[in-house]
Amino acid sequence: MSVMLDASALLAYLNQEAGAEEVAEQMVGGGFISAVNLAEVYIKVTEWGQDAHLLEQALVRQGLLGGLLEEVPFGLEDAQLAARLRPLESAKKPIVNHQELSVTTESRRPASENPSAFR
């Protein structure tokens, strides 16, 4: 069975955070990650002061990217579908910051900000 990973699942796996074993079990049969979610992983790694290109090389060398995980494009139809599905997501609650007139989304933060798994 193939799975579709999001950025948080891949980051949990790479950092050996809570849920990493479950992600690994789900990836045994192969899976996919969208270009957008992969970009989120690279952005997070860069925020941690790591080199996203080195991470990509490591993922390819280990047989994850281009092996177990196939990167799939994210086009206009996908963007529209994501917009339609977003209201159905019940695990996150919007927080309105009236002072800054911005809307953010409350979500689970990674248990670790340590990108040691990428070294």
Protein backbone atom coordinates (compact mmCIF):
# COMPACT_ATOMS: atom_id res chain seq x y z
CA MET A 1 0.00 0.00 0.00
CA SER A 2 1.30 3.47 -0.88
CA VAL A 3 1.06 6.45 1.44
CA MET A 4 1.12 10.19 0.84
CA LEU A 5 3.41 11.89 3.36
CA ASP A 6 3.19 15.49 4.44
CA ALA A 7 6.13 17.55 5.65
CA SER A 8 5.48 16.93 9.35
CA ALA A 9 5.50 13.15 8.88
CA LEU A 10 8.80 13.20 6.99
CA LEU A 11 10.36 15.57 9.54
CA ALA A 12 9.19 13.35 12.41
CA TYR A 13 10.75 10.36 10.68
CA LEU A 14 14.04 12.14 9.95
CA ASN A 15 14.34 13.49 13.50
CA GLN A 16 13.19 10.24 15.14
CA GLU A 17 10.39 12.13 16.88
CA ALA A 18 7.17 10.69 18.25
CA GLY A 19 5.43 8.82 15.44
CA ALA A 20 8.64 8.13 13.50
CA GLU A 21 8.22 4.36 13.77
CA GLU A 22 4.66 4.55 12.46
CA VAL A 23 5.81 6.67 9.50
CA ALA A 24 8.57 4.13 8.78
CA GLU A 25 6.06 1.27 8.86
CA GLN A 26 3.75 3.11 6.48
CA MET A 27 6.60 3.81 4.03
CA VAL A 28 7.55 0.12 3.69
CA GLY A 29 5.18 -0.25 0.75
CA GLY A 30 6.38 2.96 -0.84
CA GLY A 31 4.79 6.34 -0.96
CA PHE A 32 4.62 9.83 -2.29
CA ILE A 33 5.40 13.35 -1.14
CA SER A 34 4.23 16.43 -2.99
CA ALA A 35 6.71 19.00 -4.19
CA VAL A 36 5.08 21.51 -1.83
CA ASN A 37 5.58 19.28 1.22
CA LEU A 38 9.15 18.52 0.20
CA ALA A 39 9.75 22.26 -0.10
CA GLU A 40 8.42 22.68 3.46
CA VAL A 41 10.92 20.07 4.68
CA TYR A 42 13.77 21.87 2.89
CA ILE A 43 12.66 25.22 4.30
CA LYS A 44 12.57 23.85 7.85
CA VAL A 45 16.02 22.31 7.46
CA THR A 46 17.35 25.62 6.17
CA GLU A 47 15.80 27.41 9.17
CA TRP A 48 17.74 24.99 11.39
CA GLY A 49 20.95 26.13 9.69
CA GLN A 50 21.39 22.96 7.64
CA ASP A 51 21.97 22.61 3.90
CA ALA A 52 18.79 21.42 2.14
CA HIS A 53 20.81 20.23 -0.85
CA LEU A 54 22.87 17.94 1.41
CA LEU A 55 19.65 16.60 2.90
CA GLU A 56 18.31 15.84 -0.57
CA GLN A 57 21.53 14.04 -1.50
CA ALA A 58 21.32 11.98 1.71
CA LEU A 59 17.67 11.08 1.05
CA VAL A 60 18.52 9.91 -2.47
CA ARG A 61 21.62 8.01 -1.31
CA GLN A 62 19.60 6.24 1.41
CA GLY A 63 16.96 5.20 -1.13
CA LEU A 64 14.22 7.34 0.39
CA LEU A 65 13.75 10.04 -2.22
CA GLY A 66 13.44 8.54 -5.67
CA GLY A 67 13.22 5.12 -4.04
CA LEU A 68 10.63 4.52 -1.35
CA LEU A 69 9.26 8.03 -1.76
CA GLU A 70 8.35 9.51 -5.10
CA GLU A 71 8.13 13.29 -5.35
CA VAL A 72 4.96 14.33 -7.18
CA PRO A 73 4.17 17.73 -8.69
CA PHE A 74 1.62 20.05 -7.16
CA GLY A 75 -0.36 21.93 -9.80
CA LEU A 76 -3.29 24.31 -10.01
CA GLU A 77 -5.90 21.53 -9.67
CA ASP A 78 -4.13 20.30 -6.56
CA ALA A 79 -4.16 23.82 -5.10
CA GLN A 80 -7.91 24.10 -5.69
CA LEU A 81 -8.54 20.68 -4.14
CA ALA A 82 -6.46 21.63 -1.08
CA ALA A 83 -8.51 24.80 -0.68
CA ARG A 84 -11.76 22.80 -0.82
CA LEU A 85 -10.49 20.22 1.69
CA ARG A 86 -9.07 22.69 4.19
CA PRO A 87 -12.41 23.46 5.92
CA LEU A 88 -12.86 19.73 6.52
CA GLU A 89 -9.70 19.53 8.58
CA SER A 90 -10.96 19.45 12.15
CA ALA A 91 -7.66 18.97 14.00
CA LYS A 92 -6.56 22.57 13.60
CA LYS A 93 -8.28 25.66 14.92
CA PRO A 94 -7.79 29.15 13.48
CA ILE A 95 -6.44 31.81 15.79
CA VAL A 96 -7.20 35.40 14.81
CA ASN A 97 -4.66 38.00 15.90
CA HIS A 98 -6.72 41.19 15.77
CA GLN A 99 -3.77 43.49 16.51
CA GLU A 100 -1.84 42.35 13.46
CA LEU A 101 -4.94 41.46 11.44
CA SER A 102 -3.45 38.11 10.56
CA VAL A 103 -4.76 34.60 10.79
CA THR A 104 -2.52 31.76 11.86
CA THR A 105 -3.26 28.11 12.43
CA GLU A 106 -2.64 26.31 15.69
CA SER A 107 -0.81 23.06 15.04
CA ARG A 108 1.42 20.52 16.74
CA ARG A 109 5.03 21.63 16.77
CA PRO A 110 7.80 19.07 16.28
CA ALA A 111 9.04 17.58 19.54
CA SER A 112 12.59 18.39 18.52
CA GLU A 113 14.13 21.25 16.61
CA ASN A 114 17.36 19.23 16.36
CA PRO A 115 18.19 18.31 12.77
CA SER A 116 20.98 15.92 13.86
CA ALA A 117 19.50 13.19 11.67
CA PHE A 118 20.65 15.12 8.59
CA ARG A 119 24.35 15.08 9.47
